[in-house]
Amino acid sequence: MKKYLMFVGSAVLMLALTSCGGNTNGGNTEAPQEEVMKDVKAPTWEKFVVVTQEDVTIYKAADETSATRMVCYEDAESDMVDIVHNWSDEPAPAGYLQESLLVYPDGVYPCLGEEGDFYKVALCGLYDKDDEVGYIAKSAAQEIKPEPITDAMAFNKNCSWAHLRYFPDGKYKNMVIRTKYDELEGECINIGRLIDGVVALPVKYNIDCYDNTEIDSLQVFTEEYEGGEYISMQYPSSLKYHDDVDCSLIMDLAKLSDEQVDKLYGLVVKGEPEYVEYLYFFPTIESEYDRFQSFYAK
């Protein structure tokens, strides 16, 4: 379920970049993030297509008689079931239920080419292997162009379930911090970069966090489990975001001091980036909350 939520949640919860108040220089002017984020580059996709019809099928080949894309749900009585994707000519994994995967309007895919009446698309938006491809009928989609994301964009303000902060200069120049809330998984913070108009968020550069009314500073908690350790962070209620109806689900990143940004950065940014979530902005999509779309690649 986590794989599925990362895709859906990101497409729905992504907010426009907006410069936050306060000192964004992060202390001195050195840029330590370059050392660990220098290998995070924007992908080379040049064209995208957007689905324009309901219940659209993804085919394995440029042929409507070919196998179709399927979604397989773990057969378990839980809200946290695992979800995988395969093709209709492949058996479902043992212990999984299988059904057709149908995509809907405003879903965007990187286009890798055209074959007859079909667009060849990358399925990385489904968080599958980055080299997997599928085909969508041209009659069910059309080409669409993204617009570079800039620090001046403010199409959506921060809300009770998502918040994003951009650092235009200083020690953490071009760094982006995102926090978002999910009903099943709670709040998670990601750290990434703005690269050539695209927000790149390494999937592993994240940490779960929770508010705690009994503390007055950021606190780190470590839990040992078989195979490793789980690290989470708690923050004081003074750092919570409050909207017009006083609904508070997440941290207000604008309230973080330079020292708190340093601490958060030290906790999150470690090791090779590996899979990266790329956020693109498509201004012509009708639904405001679908204009930001996520794709994954290594």
C-alpha atoms as a PDB file:
ATOM      1  CA  MET A   1       0.000   0.000   0.000  1.00  0.00           C
ATOM      2  CA  LYS A   2       2.884   2.329   0.729  1.00  0.00           C
ATOM      3  CA  LYS A   3       4.045   2.175  -2.900  1.00  0.00           C
ATOM      4  CA  TYR A   4       0.550   3.069  -4.078  1.00  0.00           C
ATOM      5  CA  LEU A   5       0.113   5.841  -1.548  1.00  0.00           C
ATOM      6  CA  MET A   6       3.411   7.451  -2.511  1.00  0.00           C
ATOM      7  CA  PHE A   7       2.172   7.772  -6.075  1.00  0.00           C
ATOM      8  CA  VAL A   8      -1.361   8.922  -5.352  1.00  0.00           C
ATOM      9  CA  GLY A   9      -0.487  11.027  -2.355  1.00  0.00           C
ATOM     10  CA  SER A  10       2.242  12.897  -4.154  1.00  0.00           C
ATOM     11  CA  ALA A  11       0.094  13.731  -7.136  1.00  0.00           C
ATOM     12  CA  VAL A  12      -2.694  15.003  -4.903  1.00  0.00           C
ATOM     13  CA  LEU A  13      -0.792  16.608  -2.053  1.00  0.00           C
ATOM     14  CA  MET A  14       1.969  18.406  -3.916  1.00  0.00           C
ATOM     15  CA  LEU A  15       1.771  22.184  -3.386  1.00  0.00           C
ATOM     16  CA  ALA A  16       3.337  25.010  -5.355  1.00  0.00           C
ATOM     17  CA  LEU A  17       6.730  26.267  -4.249  1.00  0.00           C
ATOM     18  CA  THR A  18       6.521  29.374  -2.159  1.00  0.00           C
ATOM     19  CA  SER A  19       9.268  31.210  -0.328  1.00  0.00           C
ATOM     20  CA  CYS A  20       8.663  31.148   3.398  1.00  0.00           C
ATOM     21  CA  GLY A  21       9.235  33.942   5.854  1.00  0.00           C
ATOM     22  CA  GLY A  22      12.242  34.192   8.077  1.00  0.00           C
ATOM     23  CA  ASN A  23      15.951  33.742   7.448  1.00  0.00           C
ATOM     24  CA  THR A  24      16.444  31.166   4.696  1.00  0.00           C
ATOM     25  CA  ASN A  25      20.218  31.310   4.628  1.00  0.00           C
ATOM     26  CA  GLY A  26      20.612  28.368   7.000  1.00  0.00           C
ATOM     27  CA  GLY A  27      23.631  29.860   8.796  1.00  0.00           C
ATOM     28  CA  ASN A  28      26.881  30.145   6.826  1.00  0.00           C
ATOM     29  CA  THR A  29      27.002  30.130   3.031  1.00  0.00           C
ATOM     30  CA  GLU A  30      28.646  26.746   2.514  1.00  0.00           C
ATOM     31  CA  ALA A  31      26.542  24.215   0.616  1.00  0.00           C
ATOM     32  CA  PRO A  32      27.011  20.790   2.225  1.00  0.00           C
ATOM     33  CA  GLN A  33      24.001  19.384   0.350  1.00  0.00           C
ATOM     34  CA  GLU A  34      26.032  19.428  -2.848  1.00  0.00           C
ATOM     35  CA  GLU A  35      28.207  16.630  -1.490  1.00  0.00           C
ATOM     36  CA  VAL A  36      25.337  14.159  -1.064  1.00  0.00           C
ATOM     37  CA  MET A  37      22.846  15.495  -3.609  1.00  0.00           C
ATOM     38  CA  LYS A  38      25.205  16.204  -6.501  1.00  0.00           C
ATOM     39  CA  ASP A  39      24.233  12.918  -8.189  1.00  0.00           C
ATOM     40  CA  VAL A  40      20.514  13.780  -8.102  1.00  0.00           C
ATOM     41  CA  LYS A  41      19.784  14.977 -11.625  1.00  0.00           C
ATOM     42  CA  ALA A  42      16.577  15.697 -13.485  1.00  0.00           C
ATOM     43  CA  PRO A  43      15.538  12.866 -15.851  1.00  0.00           C
ATOM     44  CA  THR A  44      15.801  13.247 -19.609  1.00  0.00           C
ATOM     45  CA  TRP A  45      12.097  12.953 -20.440  1.00  0.00           C
ATOM     46  CA  GLU A  46      11.243  15.489 -23.142  1.00  0.00           C
ATOM     47  CA  LYS A  47       7.576  14.765 -23.854  1.00  0.00           C
ATOM     48  CA  PHE A  48       4.554  13.839 -21.750  1.00  0.00           C
ATOM     49  CA  VAL A  49       1.011  12.705 -22.477  1.00  0.00           C
ATOM     50  CA  VAL A  50      -2.106  13.167 -20.363  1.00  0.00           C
ATOM     51  CA  VAL A  51      -5.041  10.764 -20.247  1.00  0.00           C
ATOM     52  CA  THR A  52      -8.236  12.422 -21.497  1.00  0.00           C
ATOM     53  CA  GLN A  53     -10.857   9.672 -21.120  1.00  0.00           C
ATOM     54  CA  GLU A  54     -12.326   7.498 -18.365  1.00  0.00           C
ATOM     55  CA  ASP A  55     -11.279   3.886 -17.735  1.00  0.00           C
ATOM     56  CA  VAL A  56      -8.281   3.847 -20.064  1.00  0.00           C
ATOM     57  CA  THR A  57      -6.309   0.632 -20.534  1.00  0.00           C
ATOM     58  CA  ILE A  58      -2.512   0.364 -20.631  1.00  0.00           C
ATOM     59  CA  TYR A  59      -1.310  -2.265 -23.107  1.00  0.00           C
ATOM     60  CA  LYS A  60       1.890  -4.292 -23.107  1.00  0.00           C
ATOM     61  CA  ALA A  61       2.420  -3.655 -26.842  1.00  0.00           C
ATOM     62  CA  ALA A  62       1.098  -1.245 -29.473  1.00  0.00           C
ATOM     63  CA  ASP A  63      -1.817  -3.572 -30.084  1.00  0.00           C
ATOM     64  CA  GLU A  64      -5.247  -3.683 -28.412  1.00  0.00           C
ATOM     65  CA  THR A  65      -5.110  -7.482 -28.468  1.00  0.00           C
ATOM     66  CA  SER A  66      -1.927  -7.523 -26.359  1.00  0.00           C
ATOM     67  CA  ALA A  67      -1.782  -8.094 -22.618  1.00  0.00           C
ATOM     68  CA  THR A  68      -3.097  -5.302 -20.393  1.00  0.00           C
ATOM     69  CA  ARG A  69      -1.793  -3.762 -17.185  1.00  0.00           C
ATOM     70  CA  MET A  70      -3.091  -5.320 -13.956  1.00  0.00           C
ATOM     71  CA  VAL A  71      -3.038  -4.383 -10.293  1.00  0.00           C
ATOM     72  CA  CYS A  72      -2.551  -7.081  -7.647  1.00  0.00           C
ATOM     73  CA  TYR A  73      -3.663  -6.618  -4.040  1.00  0.00           C
ATOM     74  CA  GLU A  74      -2.357  -8.706  -1.178  1.00  0.00           C
ATOM     75  CA  ASP A  75      -5.237 -10.921  -0.018  1.00  0.00           C
ATOM     76  CA  ALA A  76      -5.228  -9.847   3.625  1.00  0.00           C
ATOM     77  CA  GLU A  77      -7.711  -8.165   5.941  1.00  0.00           C
ATOM     78  CA  SER A  78      -5.756  -4.996   6.573  1.00  0.00           C
ATOM     79  CA  ASP A  79      -5.665  -1.363   5.508  1.00  0.00           C
ATOM     80  CA  MET A  80      -1.935  -1.759   4.786  1.00  0.00           C
ATOM     81  CA  VAL A  81      -1.986  -4.413   2.064  1.00  0.00           C
ATOM     82  CA  ASP A  82       0.857  -4.586  -0.438  1.00  0.00           C
ATOM     83  CA  ILE A  83       0.112  -3.659  -4.053  1.00  0.00           C
ATOM     84  CA  VAL A  84       2.091  -4.727  -7.128  1.00  0.00           C
ATOM     85  CA  HIS A  85       1.516  -4.435 -10.874  1.00  0.00           C
ATOM     86  CA  ASN A  86       1.936  -6.974 -13.657  1.00  0.00           C
ATOM     87  CA  TRP A  87       0.497  -7.886 -17.070  1.00  0.00           C
ATOM     88  CA  SER A  88      -2.600  -9.940 -17.786  1.00  0.00           C
ATOM     89  CA  ASP A  89      -0.502 -12.692 -19.404  1.00  0.00           C
ATOM     90  CA  GLU A  90       1.356 -13.175 -16.091  1.00  0.00           C
ATOM     91  CA  PRO A  91      -0.079 -14.927 -13.030  1.00  0.00           C
ATOM     92  CA  ALA A  92      -0.747 -12.907  -9.907  1.00  0.00           C
ATOM     93  CA  PRO A  93       1.767 -13.461  -7.095  1.00  0.00           C
ATOM     94  CA  ALA A  94       0.766 -16.124  -4.592  1.00  0.00           C
ATOM     95  CA  GLY A  95      -1.646 -14.682  -2.037  1.00  0.00           C
ATOM     96  CA  TYR A  96      -2.673 -11.709  -4.216  1.00  0.00           C
ATOM     97  CA  LEU A  97      -5.956 -10.777  -5.897  1.00  0.00           C
ATOM     98  CA  GLN A  98      -5.745  -9.374  -9.426  1.00  0.00           C
ATOM     99  CA  GLU A  99      -7.864  -6.925 -11.428  1.00  0.00           C
ATOM    100  CA  SER A 100      -7.469  -4.654 -14.445  1.00  0.00           C
ATOM    101  CA  LEU A 101      -5.686  -1.359 -13.908  1.00  0.00           C
ATOM    102  CA  LEU A 102      -7.733   1.462 -15.408  1.00  0.00           C
ATOM    103  CA  VAL A 103      -6.342   4.992 -15.558  1.00  0.00           C
ATOM    104  CA  TYR A 104      -8.389   8.162 -15.486  1.00  0.00           C
ATOM    105  CA  PRO A 105      -8.343  11.720 -16.886  1.00  0.00           C
ATOM    106  CA  ASP A 106      -5.472  14.022 -15.851  1.00  0.00           C
ATOM    107  CA  GLY A 107      -3.042  11.138 -15.292  1.00  0.00           C
ATOM    108  CA  VAL A 108       0.280  12.081 -16.907  1.00  0.00           C
ATOM    109  CA  TYR A 109       3.031   9.796 -18.249  1.00  0.00           C
ATOM    110  CA  PRO A 110       6.482  10.442 -19.733  1.00  0.00           C
ATOM    111  CA  CYS A 111       6.244   9.675 -23.461  1.00  0.00           C
ATOM    112  CA  LEU A 112       9.073   7.570 -24.910  1.00  0.00           C
ATOM    113  CA  GLY A 113       7.832   7.596 -28.490  1.00  0.00           C
ATOM    114  CA  GLU A 114       4.950   6.731 -30.782  1.00  0.00           C
ATOM    115  CA  GLU A 115       4.031   3.495 -32.532  1.00  0.00           C
ATOM    116  CA  GLY A 116       1.102   3.709 -34.935  1.00  0.00           C
ATOM    117  CA  ASP A 117      -2.019   4.689 -32.999  1.00  0.00           C
ATOM    118  CA  PHE A 118      -0.294   4.400 -29.606  1.00  0.00           C
ATOM    119  CA  TYR A 119       1.905   6.441 -27.301  1.00  0.00           C
ATOM    120  CA  LYS A 120       4.757   4.488 -25.726  1.00  0.00           C
ATOM    121  CA  VAL A 121       4.930   5.616 -22.099  1.00  0.00           C
ATOM    122  CA  ALA A 122       7.119   5.040 -19.053  1.00  0.00           C
ATOM    123  CA  LEU A 123       5.264   3.460 -16.143  1.00  0.00           C
ATOM    124  CA  CYS A 124       7.507   5.029 -13.511  1.00  0.00           C
ATOM    125  CA  GLY A 125       4.514   6.979 -12.240  1.00  0.00           C
ATOM    126  CA  LEU A 126       3.320   3.677 -10.815  1.00  0.00           C
ATOM    127  CA  TYR A 127       6.587   3.281  -8.904  1.00  0.00           C
ATOM    128  CA  ASP A 128       7.510   0.215 -10.924  1.00  0.00           C
ATOM    129  CA  LYS A 129      10.899  -0.639 -12.373  1.00  0.00           C
ATOM    130  CA  ASP A 130      12.202   2.442 -14.127  1.00  0.00           C
ATOM    131  CA  ASP A 131      12.685   0.536 -17.404  1.00  0.00           C
ATOM    132  CA  GLU A 132       9.091  -0.739 -17.680  1.00  0.00           C
ATOM    133  CA  VAL A 133       6.960   0.684 -20.469  1.00  0.00           C
ATOM    134  CA  GLY A 134       3.395   0.429 -21.689  1.00  0.00           C
ATOM    135  CA  TYR A 135       1.184   1.737 -24.483  1.00  0.00           C
ATOM    136  CA  ILE A 136      -1.823   4.064 -24.383  1.00  0.00           C
ATOM    137  CA  ALA A 137      -4.104   4.609 -27.370  1.00  0.00           C
ATOM    138  CA  LYS A 138      -3.698   8.074 -28.885  1.00  0.00           C
ATOM    139  CA  SER A 139      -7.484   8.384 -28.943  1.00  0.00           C
ATOM    140  CA  ALA A 140      -7.442   8.333 -25.119  1.00  0.00           C
ATOM    141  CA  ALA A 141      -4.608  10.807 -24.517  1.00  0.00           C
ATOM    142  CA  GLN A 142      -2.892  13.919 -25.825  1.00  0.00           C
ATOM    143  CA  GLU A 143       0.492  15.571 -25.530  1.00  0.00           C
ATOM    144  CA  ILE A 144       1.040  17.981 -22.648  1.00  0.00           C
ATOM    145  CA  LYS A 145       3.935  20.250 -21.674  1.00  0.00           C
ATOM    146  CA  PRO A 146       5.183  20.931 -18.146  1.00  0.00           C
ATOM    147  CA  GLU A 147       6.123  24.396 -16.956  1.00  0.00           C
ATOM    148  CA  PRO A 148       9.312  24.953 -14.933  1.00  0.00           C
ATOM    149  CA  ILE A 149       8.710  25.256 -11.215  1.00  0.00           C
ATOM    150  CA  THR A 150      10.175  28.404  -9.708  1.00  0.00           C
ATOM    151  CA  ASP A 151      10.474  29.802  -6.208  1.00  0.00           C
ATOM    152  CA  ALA A 152       8.048  32.567  -7.181  1.00  0.00           C
ATOM    153  CA  MET A 153       5.152  30.130  -7.769  1.00  0.00           C
ATOM    154  CA  ALA A 154       2.325  30.344  -5.242  1.00  0.00           C
ATOM    155  CA  PHE A 155      -0.708  28.731  -6.852  1.00  0.00           C
ATOM    156  CA  ASN A 156      -1.711  26.925  -3.668  1.00  0.00           C
ATOM    157  CA  LYS A 157      -0.970  28.125  -0.179  1.00  0.00           C
ATOM    158  CA  ASN A 158       0.028  25.814   2.643  1.00  0.00           C
ATOM    159  CA  CYS A 159      -2.853  23.823   4.077  1.00  0.00           C
ATOM    160  CA  SER A 160      -3.512  21.506   6.994  1.00  0.00           C
ATOM    161  CA  TRP A 161      -2.196  18.373   5.233  1.00  0.00           C
ATOM    162  CA  ALA A 162       0.717  19.544   3.090  1.00  0.00           C
ATOM    163  CA  HIS A 163       3.449  22.156   3.296  1.00  0.00           C
ATOM    164  CA  LEU A 164       6.500  22.945   1.223  1.00  0.00           C
ATOM    165  CA  ARG A 165       9.485  25.241   1.809  1.00  0.00           C
ATOM    166  CA  TYR A 166      12.086  26.328  -0.727  1.00  0.00           C
ATOM    167  CA  PHE A 167      15.532  27.808   0.002  1.00  0.00           C
ATOM    168  CA  PRO A 168      16.465  30.240  -2.808  1.00  0.00           C
ATOM    169  CA  ASP A 169      19.955  31.017  -1.532  1.00  0.00           C
ATOM    170  CA  GLY A 170      22.460  30.556   1.261  1.00  0.00           C
ATOM    171  CA  LYS A 171      23.783  27.358   2.793  1.00  0.00           C
ATOM    172  CA  TYR A 172      20.930  25.231   1.468  1.00  0.00           C
ATOM    173  CA  LYS A 173      20.449  26.970  -1.878  1.00  0.00           C
ATOM    174  CA  ASN A 174      17.841  25.219  -4.088  1.00  0.00           C
ATOM    175  CA  MET A 175      16.888  22.789  -1.301  1.00  0.00           C
ATOM    176  CA  VAL A 176      13.225  21.862  -0.854  1.00  0.00           C
ATOM    177  CA  ILE A 177      11.601  20.500   2.304  1.00  0.00           C
ATOM    178  CA  ARG A 178       8.165  18.911   2.011  1.00  0.00           C
ATOM    179  CA  THR A 179       5.909  17.641   4.764  1.00  0.00           C
ATOM    180  CA  LYS A 180       2.640  15.848   4.080  1.00  0.00           C
ATOM    181  CA  TYR A 181       0.042  13.979   6.084  1.00  0.00           C
ATOM    182  CA  ASP A 182      -1.565  10.674   5.156  1.00  0.00           C
ATOM    183  CA  GLU A 183      -4.476   9.149   7.071  1.00  0.00           C
ATOM    184  CA  LEU A 184      -2.847   5.706   7.173  1.00  0.00           C
ATOM    185  CA  GLU A 185       0.816   6.585   7.552  1.00  0.00           C
ATOM    186  CA  GLY A 186       0.758   9.883   9.409  1.00  0.00           C
ATOM    187  CA  GLU A 187       3.165  12.737   8.710  1.00  0.00           C
ATOM    188  CA  CYS A 188       6.386  12.402   6.730  1.00  0.00           C
ATOM    189  CA  ILE A 189       9.070  14.945   5.832  1.00  0.00           C
ATOM    190  CA  ASN A 190      11.107  14.727   2.611  1.00  0.00           C
ATOM    191  CA  ILE A 191      14.187  16.702   1.579  1.00  0.00           C
ATOM    192  CA  GLY A 192      15.185  17.298  -2.033  1.00  0.00           C
ATOM    193  CA  ARG A 193      16.278  19.902  -4.561  1.00  0.00           C
ATOM    194  CA  LEU A 194      14.904  22.143  -7.253  1.00  0.00           C
ATOM    195  CA  ILE A 195      16.740  21.153 -10.448  1.00  0.00           C
ATOM    196  CA  ASP A 196      16.080  22.837 -13.778  1.00  0.00           C
ATOM    197  CA  GLY A 197      12.478  23.590 -12.865  1.00  0.00           C
ATOM    198  CA  VAL A 198      11.782  20.110 -11.452  1.00  0.00           C
ATOM    199  CA  VAL A 199      11.535  19.180  -7.764  1.00  0.00           C
ATOM    200  CA  ALA A 200      13.627  16.059  -7.082  1.00  0.00           C
ATOM    201  CA  LEU A 201      12.900  14.262  -3.784  1.00  0.00           C
ATOM    202  CA  PRO A 202      15.010  11.153  -3.139  1.00  0.00           C
ATOM    203  CA  VAL A 203      12.594   8.584  -1.717  1.00  0.00           C
ATOM    204  CA  LYS A 204      14.951   7.573   1.092  1.00  0.00           C
ATOM    205  CA  TYR A 205      15.562  11.174   2.213  1.00  0.00           C
ATOM    206  CA  ASN A 206      12.571  11.145   4.532  1.00  0.00           C
ATOM    207  CA  ILE A 207      11.614  10.773   8.170  1.00  0.00           C
ATOM    208  CA  ASP A 208       8.313  10.164   9.960  1.00  0.00           C
ATOM    209  CA  CYS A 209       7.423  12.843  12.461  1.00  0.00           C
ATOM    210  CA  TYR A 210       4.787  13.552  15.099  1.00  0.00           C
ATOM    211  CA  ASP A 211       3.826  16.480  17.296  1.00  0.00           C
ATOM    212  CA  ASN A 212       4.301  16.214  21.058  1.00  0.00           C
ATOM    213  CA  THR A 213       2.691  18.703  23.424  1.00  0.00           C
ATOM    214  CA  GLU A 214       5.170  17.850  26.191  1.00  0.00           C
ATOM    215  CA  ILE A 215       8.406  18.878  24.456  1.00  0.00           C
ATOM    216  CA  ASP A 216       9.817  22.284  23.507  1.00  0.00           C
ATOM    217  CA  SER A 217      12.388  21.288  20.863  1.00  0.00           C
ATOM    218  CA  LEU A 218      12.914  18.735  18.080  1.00  0.00           C
ATOM    219  CA  GLN A 219      13.466  15.261  19.544  1.00  0.00           C
ATOM    220  CA  VAL A 220      14.789  12.174  17.771  1.00  0.00           C
ATOM    221  CA  PHE A 221      13.649   8.653  18.696  1.00  0.00           C
ATOM    222  CA  THR A 222      15.253   5.376  17.644  1.00  0.00           C
ATOM    223  CA  GLU A 223      13.590   1.971  17.807  1.00  0.00           C
ATOM    224  CA  GLU A 224      15.514  -1.233  17.187  1.00  0.00           C
ATOM    225  CA  TYR A 225      13.931  -3.949  15.060  1.00  0.00           C
ATOM    226  CA  GLU A 226      15.130  -7.074  13.306  1.00  0.00           C
ATOM    227  CA  GLY A 227      17.342  -5.970  10.452  1.00  0.00           C
ATOM    228  CA  GLY A 228      17.958  -2.395  11.532  1.00  0.00           C
ATOM    229  CA  GLU A 229      16.527   0.574  13.337  1.00  0.00           C
ATOM    230  CA  TYR A 230      13.612   2.926  12.855  1.00  0.00           C
ATOM    231  CA  ILE A 231      14.280   6.630  13.409  1.00  0.00           C
ATOM    232  CA  SER A 232      11.482   9.157  13.859  1.00  0.00           C
ATOM    233  CA  MET A 233      11.258  12.747  15.016  1.00  0.00           C
ATOM    234  CA  GLN A 234       8.865  14.574  17.320  1.00  0.00           C
ATOM    235  CA  TYR A 235       8.318  18.326  17.328  1.00  0.00           C
ATOM    236  CA  PRO A 236       6.697  20.739  19.804  1.00  0.00           C
ATOM    237  CA  SER A 237       3.161  21.979  19.248  1.00  0.00           C
ATOM    238  CA  SER A 238       4.563  25.484  18.746  1.00  0.00           C
ATOM    239  CA  LEU A 239       5.764  24.309  15.312  1.00  0.00           C
ATOM    240  CA  LYS A 240       2.371  23.072  14.130  1.00  0.00           C
ATOM    241  CA  TYR A 241       0.635  24.656  11.177  1.00  0.00           C
ATOM    242  CA  HIS A 242      -2.755  26.294  11.835  1.00  0.00           C
ATOM    243  CA  ASP A 243      -5.242  27.085   9.096  1.00  0.00           C
ATOM    244  CA  ASP A 244      -8.361  29.244   9.124  1.00  0.00           C
ATOM    245  CA  VAL A 245     -10.395  26.602  10.949  1.00  0.00           C
ATOM    246  CA  ASP A 246      -7.552  25.764  13.333  1.00  0.00           C
ATOM    247  CA  CYS A 247      -7.062  22.277  11.890  1.00  0.00           C
ATOM    248  CA  SER A 248      -3.508  21.130  12.662  1.00  0.00           C
ATOM    249  CA  LEU A 249      -2.063  17.963  11.168  1.00  0.00           C
ATOM    250  CA  ILE A 250       1.489  18.881  10.181  1.00  0.00           C
ATOM    251  CA  MET A 251       4.560  20.916  11.016  1.00  0.00           C
ATOM    252  CA  ASP A 252       4.776  24.471   9.711  1.00  0.00           C
ATOM    253  CA  LEU A 253       8.125  24.458   7.924  1.00  0.00           C
ATOM    254  CA  ALA A 254       8.231  28.263   7.852  1.00  0.00           C
ATOM    255  CA  LYS A 255       8.688  28.207  11.637  1.00  0.00           C
ATOM    256  CA  LEU A 256      11.904  26.160  11.518  1.00  0.00           C
ATOM    257  CA  SER A 257      14.999  28.052  12.637  1.00  0.00           C
ATOM    258  CA  ASP A 258      18.346  27.672  10.879  1.00  0.00           C
ATOM    259  CA  GLU A 259      19.523  25.357  13.642  1.00  0.00           C
ATOM    260  CA  GLN A 260      16.396  23.195  13.311  1.00  0.00           C
ATOM    261  CA  VAL A 261      16.871  22.986   9.546  1.00  0.00           C
ATOM    262  CA  ASP A 262      20.454  21.857  10.148  1.00  0.00           C
ATOM    263  CA  LYS A 263      19.253  19.152  12.556  1.00  0.00           C
ATOM    264  CA  LEU A 264      16.555  17.935  10.190  1.00  0.00           C
ATOM    265  CA  TYR A 265      18.959  17.877   7.265  1.00  0.00           C
ATOM    266  CA  GLY A 266      21.480  15.837   9.253  1.00  0.00           C
ATOM    267  CA  LEU A 267      18.818  13.256  10.099  1.00  0.00           C
ATOM    268  CA  VAL A 268      17.390  12.844   6.612  1.00  0.00           C
ATOM    269  CA  VAL A 269      20.091  13.272   3.972  1.00  0.00           C
ATOM    270  CA  LYS A 270      22.288  10.173   4.143  1.00  0.00           C
ATOM    271  CA  GLY A 271      23.760   7.732   1.621  1.00  0.00           C
ATOM    272  CA  GLU A 272      23.063   7.343  -2.079  1.00  0.00           C
ATOM    273  CA  PRO A 273      19.785   8.877  -3.288  1.00  0.00           C
ATOM    274  CA  GLU A 274      18.615   5.744  -5.203  1.00  0.00           C
ATOM    275  CA  TYR A 275      14.951   6.127  -6.292  1.00  0.00           C
ATOM    276  CA  VAL A 276      13.905   9.753  -6.775  1.00  0.00           C
ATOM    277  CA  GLU A 277      10.401  11.230  -6.901  1.00  0.00           C
ATOM    278  CA  TYR A 278      10.243  13.957  -9.555  1.00  0.00           C
ATOM    279  CA  LEU A 279       7.520  16.567  -9.317  1.00  0.00           C
ATOM    280  CA  TYR A 280       6.468  18.362 -12.519  1.00  0.00           C
ATOM    281  CA  PHE A 281       3.950  21.152 -12.946  1.00  0.00           C
ATOM    282  CA  PHE A 282       1.353  21.004 -15.747  1.00  0.00           C
ATOM    283  CA  PRO A 283      -0.574  24.309 -15.809  1.00  0.00           C
ATOM    284  CA  THR A 284      -3.160  23.258 -18.417  1.00  0.00           C
ATOM    285  CA  ILE A 285      -4.657  20.421 -16.345  1.00  0.00           C
ATOM    286  CA  GLU A 286      -8.126  21.513 -15.307  1.00  0.00           C
ATOM    287  CA  SER A 287      -8.079  20.226 -11.736  1.00  0.00           C
ATOM    288  CA  GLU A 288      -5.882  22.480  -9.593  1.00  0.00           C
ATOM    289  CA  TYR A 289      -4.717  19.662  -7.320  1.00  0.00           C
ATOM    290  CA  ASP A 290      -3.721  17.442 -10.256  1.00  0.00           C
ATOM    291  CA  ARG A 291      -1.415  19.985 -11.866  1.00  0.00           C
ATOM    292  CA  PHE A 292       1.555  18.627  -9.936  1.00  0.00           C
ATOM    293  CA  GLN A 293       2.369  15.066 -10.979  1.00  0.00           C
ATOM    294  CA  SER A 294       4.957  12.619  -9.609  1.00  0.00           C
ATOM    295  CA  PHE A 295       7.214  10.238 -11.512  1.00  0.00           C
ATOM    296  CA  TYR A 296       9.912   7.929 -10.161  1.00  0.00           C
ATOM    297  CA  ALA A 297      13.316   6.992 -11.537  1.00  0.00           C
ATOM    298  CA  LYS A 298      16.780   6.028 -10.369  1.00  0.00           C
END
